[in-house]
N, C-alpha and C. Protein backbone atom coordinates (compact mmCIF):
# COMPACT_ATOMS: atom_id res chain seq x y z
N MET A 1 25.90 -36.76 40.67
CA MET A 1 25.91 -35.43 40.08
C MET A 1 25.21 -34.46 41.01
N ASP A 2 25.78 -33.30 41.07
CA ASP A 2 25.23 -32.27 41.95
C ASP A 2 24.01 -31.64 41.28
N TRP A 3 23.03 -31.22 42.07
CA TRP A 3 21.81 -30.60 41.53
C TRP A 3 22.11 -29.28 40.83
N ALA A 4 23.14 -28.62 41.22
CA ALA A 4 23.50 -27.35 40.58
C ALA A 4 23.90 -27.59 39.12
N TYR A 5 24.64 -28.67 38.88
CA TYR A 5 25.04 -28.98 37.50
C TYR A 5 23.81 -29.33 36.63
N VAL A 6 22.88 -30.06 37.22
CA VAL A 6 21.65 -30.41 36.49
C VAL A 6 20.86 -29.15 36.16
N LEU A 7 20.77 -28.25 37.12
CA LEU A 7 20.07 -26.99 36.90
C LEU A 7 20.75 -26.16 35.81
N VAL A 8 22.06 -26.11 35.81
CA VAL A 8 22.80 -25.37 34.78
C VAL A 8 22.55 -25.98 33.41
N ILE A 9 22.53 -27.29 33.30
CA ILE A 9 22.29 -27.95 32.02
C ILE A 9 20.88 -27.66 31.53
N ILE A 10 19.89 -27.75 32.41
CA ILE A 10 18.50 -27.48 32.02
C ILE A 10 18.34 -26.04 31.58
N LEU A 11 18.89 -25.12 32.32
CA LEU A 11 18.79 -23.70 31.96
C LEU A 11 19.51 -23.39 30.66
N SER A 12 20.64 -24.02 30.42
CA SER A 12 21.36 -23.76 29.17
C SER A 12 20.61 -24.32 27.97
N VAL A 13 19.92 -25.45 28.15
CA VAL A 13 19.10 -26.00 27.07
C VAL A 13 17.95 -25.06 26.75
N PHE A 14 17.25 -24.56 27.78
CA PHE A 14 16.17 -23.61 27.55
C PHE A 14 16.67 -22.32 26.93
N LEU A 15 17.83 -21.88 27.36
CA LEU A 15 18.41 -20.67 26.78
C LEU A 15 18.71 -20.88 25.30
N ALA A 16 19.24 -22.03 24.94
CA ALA A 16 19.53 -22.32 23.53
C ALA A 16 18.24 -22.39 22.72
N LEU A 17 17.19 -23.00 23.27
CA LEU A 17 15.90 -23.05 22.57
C LEU A 17 15.33 -21.65 22.36
N PHE A 18 15.35 -20.83 23.39
CA PHE A 18 14.84 -19.47 23.25
C PHE A 18 15.67 -18.64 22.27
N LEU A 19 16.96 -18.87 22.25
CA LEU A 19 17.81 -18.18 21.29
C LEU A 19 17.46 -18.58 19.86
N LEU A 20 17.26 -19.86 19.64
CA LEU A 20 16.87 -20.35 18.32
C LEU A 20 15.51 -19.79 17.91
N LEU A 21 14.55 -19.81 18.82
CA LEU A 21 13.23 -19.25 18.52
C LEU A 21 13.30 -17.74 18.23
N SER A 22 14.13 -17.03 18.94
CA SER A 22 14.25 -15.59 18.70
C SER A 22 14.88 -15.30 17.34
N ILE A 23 15.83 -16.12 16.92
CA ILE A 23 16.43 -15.94 15.60
C ILE A 23 15.40 -16.21 14.51
N ILE A 24 14.61 -17.28 14.68
CA ILE A 24 13.57 -17.59 13.69
C ILE A 24 12.54 -16.47 13.64
N LEU A 25 12.14 -15.96 14.80
CA LEU A 25 11.16 -14.87 14.86
C LEU A 25 11.72 -13.60 14.21
N ALA A 26 12.99 -13.32 14.41
CA ALA A 26 13.61 -12.14 13.80
C ALA A 26 13.60 -12.25 12.28
N VAL A 27 13.89 -13.43 11.75
CA VAL A 27 13.88 -13.63 10.30
C VAL A 27 12.47 -13.44 9.75
N LEU A 28 11.47 -14.00 10.45
CA LEU A 28 10.08 -13.83 10.00
C LEU A 28 9.65 -12.36 10.05
N LEU A 29 10.05 -11.65 11.07
CA LEU A 29 9.71 -10.23 11.17
C LEU A 29 10.37 -9.41 10.06
N ILE A 30 11.59 -9.77 9.70
CA ILE A 30 12.25 -9.07 8.60
C ILE A 30 11.51 -9.32 7.30
N ARG A 31 11.07 -10.56 7.05
CA ARG A 31 10.30 -10.87 5.83
C ARG A 31 8.99 -10.08 5.80
N ILE A 32 8.30 -10.05 6.93
CA ILE A 32 7.04 -9.31 6.99
C ILE A 32 7.27 -7.82 6.75
N THR A 33 8.33 -7.29 7.32
CA THR A 33 8.65 -5.88 7.12
C THR A 33 8.92 -5.58 5.66
N LEU A 34 9.62 -6.45 4.97
CA LEU A 34 9.90 -6.25 3.55
C LEU A 34 8.61 -6.30 2.73
N LYS A 35 7.70 -7.20 3.08
CA LYS A 35 6.42 -7.27 2.37
C LYS A 35 5.60 -6.01 2.62
N ILE A 36 5.59 -5.53 3.84
CA ILE A 36 4.86 -4.30 4.15
C ILE A 36 5.45 -3.13 3.38
N LYS A 37 6.76 -3.07 3.28
CA LYS A 37 7.41 -2.00 2.52
C LYS A 37 7.02 -2.08 1.06
N SER A 38 6.96 -3.29 0.51
CA SER A 38 6.56 -3.47 -0.88
C SER A 38 5.13 -2.99 -1.10
N VAL A 39 4.23 -3.33 -0.19
CA VAL A 39 2.84 -2.89 -0.30
C VAL A 39 2.75 -1.37 -0.19
N ALA A 40 3.51 -0.78 0.71
CA ALA A 40 3.49 0.67 0.87
C ALA A 40 4.01 1.37 -0.39
N ASP A 41 5.06 0.83 -0.99
CA ASP A 41 5.59 1.41 -2.23
C ASP A 41 4.55 1.31 -3.36
N SER A 42 3.88 0.19 -3.43
CA SER A 42 2.84 0.01 -4.45
C SER A 42 1.70 0.99 -4.24
N ALA A 43 1.29 1.19 -3.00
CA ALA A 43 0.22 2.15 -2.70
C ALA A 43 0.66 3.57 -3.04
N GLU A 44 1.91 3.88 -2.80
CA GLU A 44 2.42 5.22 -3.12
C GLU A 44 2.42 5.45 -4.64
N ARG A 45 2.82 4.43 -5.40
CA ARG A 45 2.79 4.56 -6.86
C ARG A 45 1.37 4.73 -7.37
N THR A 46 0.44 3.97 -6.79
CA THR A 46 -0.96 4.07 -7.19
C THR A 46 -1.52 5.45 -6.86
N ALA A 47 -1.20 5.96 -5.70
CA ALA A 47 -1.66 7.29 -5.32
C ALA A 47 -1.10 8.36 -6.27
N GLY A 48 0.15 8.20 -6.67
CA GLY A 48 0.74 9.15 -7.63
C GLY A 48 0.04 9.08 -8.97
N THR A 49 -0.30 7.87 -9.41
CA THR A 49 -1.00 7.71 -10.68
C THR A 49 -2.38 8.34 -10.63
N VAL A 50 -3.08 8.12 -9.52
CA VAL A 50 -4.42 8.71 -9.36
C VAL A 50 -4.32 10.24 -9.32
N GLU A 51 -3.30 10.75 -8.67
CA GLU A 51 -3.11 12.19 -8.60
C GLU A 51 -2.88 12.78 -10.00
N GLU A 52 -2.07 12.11 -10.80
CA GLU A 52 -1.84 12.58 -12.16
C GLU A 52 -3.13 12.52 -12.98
N PHE A 53 -3.91 11.47 -12.79
CA PHE A 53 -5.18 11.34 -13.50
C PHE A 53 -6.12 12.48 -13.13
N VAL A 54 -6.18 12.81 -11.85
CA VAL A 54 -7.05 13.90 -11.40
C VAL A 54 -6.58 15.23 -11.97
N LYS A 55 -5.27 15.45 -12.01
CA LYS A 55 -4.76 16.68 -12.60
C LYS A 55 -5.15 16.80 -14.07
N ASN A 56 -5.00 15.70 -14.81
CA ASN A 56 -5.36 15.71 -16.23
C ASN A 56 -6.86 15.88 -16.40
N ALA A 57 -7.65 15.23 -15.56
CA ALA A 57 -9.10 15.37 -15.66
C ALA A 57 -9.52 16.79 -15.36
N LYS A 58 -8.87 17.41 -14.40
CA LYS A 58 -9.19 18.80 -14.06
C LYS A 58 -8.80 19.72 -15.22
N LYS A 59 -7.67 19.43 -15.85
CA LYS A 59 -7.18 20.26 -16.94
C LYS A 59 -8.10 20.17 -18.16
N PHE A 60 -8.52 18.96 -18.51
CA PHE A 60 -9.33 18.77 -19.71
C PHE A 60 -10.82 18.69 -19.42
N GLY A 61 -11.19 18.50 -18.18
CA GLY A 61 -12.60 18.36 -17.82
C GLY A 61 -13.37 19.64 -17.98
N GLY A 62 -12.79 20.76 -17.58
CA GLY A 62 -13.46 22.06 -17.68
C GLY A 62 -13.83 22.41 -19.11
N PRO A 63 -12.89 22.42 -20.05
CA PRO A 63 -13.23 22.74 -21.43
C PRO A 63 -14.20 21.74 -22.06
N ALA A 64 -14.07 20.48 -21.70
CA ALA A 64 -14.97 19.47 -22.28
C ALA A 64 -16.39 19.69 -21.79
N LEU A 65 -16.55 20.03 -20.52
CA LEU A 65 -17.88 20.30 -20.00
C LEU A 65 -18.49 21.54 -20.65
N LEU A 66 -17.68 22.57 -20.82
CA LEU A 66 -18.19 23.78 -21.49
C LEU A 66 -18.58 23.48 -22.93
N PHE A 67 -17.77 22.70 -23.62
CA PHE A 67 -18.08 22.36 -25.00
C PHE A 67 -19.36 21.53 -25.06
N GLY A 68 -19.53 20.60 -24.13
CA GLY A 68 -20.74 19.77 -24.09
C GLY A 68 -21.97 20.62 -23.84
N ALA A 69 -21.89 21.56 -22.91
CA ALA A 69 -23.03 22.45 -22.64
C ALA A 69 -23.31 23.32 -23.86
N PHE A 70 -22.27 23.81 -24.51
CA PHE A 70 -22.47 24.62 -25.71
C PHE A 70 -23.15 23.82 -26.81
N MET A 71 -22.74 22.57 -26.99
CA MET A 71 -23.36 21.73 -28.02
C MET A 71 -24.82 21.42 -27.70
N GLN A 72 -25.16 21.24 -26.44
CA GLN A 72 -26.56 21.01 -26.07
C GLN A 72 -27.41 22.24 -26.39
N GLN A 73 -26.88 23.40 -26.08
CA GLN A 73 -27.63 24.63 -26.38
C GLN A 73 -27.74 24.84 -27.88
N ALA A 74 -26.67 24.48 -28.60
CA ALA A 74 -26.72 24.63 -30.06
C ALA A 74 -27.76 23.68 -30.66
N LYS A 75 -27.86 22.47 -30.13
CA LYS A 75 -28.86 21.52 -30.62
C LYS A 75 -30.27 22.03 -30.33
N LYS A 76 -30.48 22.58 -29.15
CA LYS A 76 -31.79 23.13 -28.80
C LYS A 76 -32.14 24.30 -29.72
N PHE A 77 -31.17 25.13 -30.00
CA PHE A 77 -31.40 26.29 -30.83
C PHE A 77 -31.74 25.87 -32.28
N THR A 78 -31.01 24.88 -32.81
CA THR A 78 -31.27 24.44 -34.18
C THR A 78 -32.61 23.71 -34.27
N ARG A 79 -33.04 23.03 -33.25
CA ARG A 79 -34.34 22.34 -33.25
C ARG A 79 -35.48 23.34 -33.25
N ARG A 80 -35.34 24.42 -32.55
CA ARG A 80 -36.40 25.42 -32.44
C ARG A 80 -36.64 26.10 -33.79
N LYS A 81 -35.58 26.25 -34.60
CA LYS A 81 -35.72 26.90 -35.90
C LYS A 81 -36.48 26.04 -36.90
N ASP A 82 -36.36 24.70 -36.75
CA ASP A 82 -36.99 23.82 -37.71
C ASP A 82 -38.46 23.81 -37.63
């Protein structure tokens, strides 16, 4: 057998191995990308929920704080009369 044929066989075997490894790596990268996308979507939903909570807290927080301060002053005023 000629050395050129042996070299071609060895190179083709390595090429097939690298091709197989690259296909496996591509599949793993696709899975990781899908998981990252899932985590990013979950983080986006959580951020939206927190944003809505802050909007509601801002909307109702102001009047509640004023009412609380008013009630404290009213309690102080009624105590002083007694």
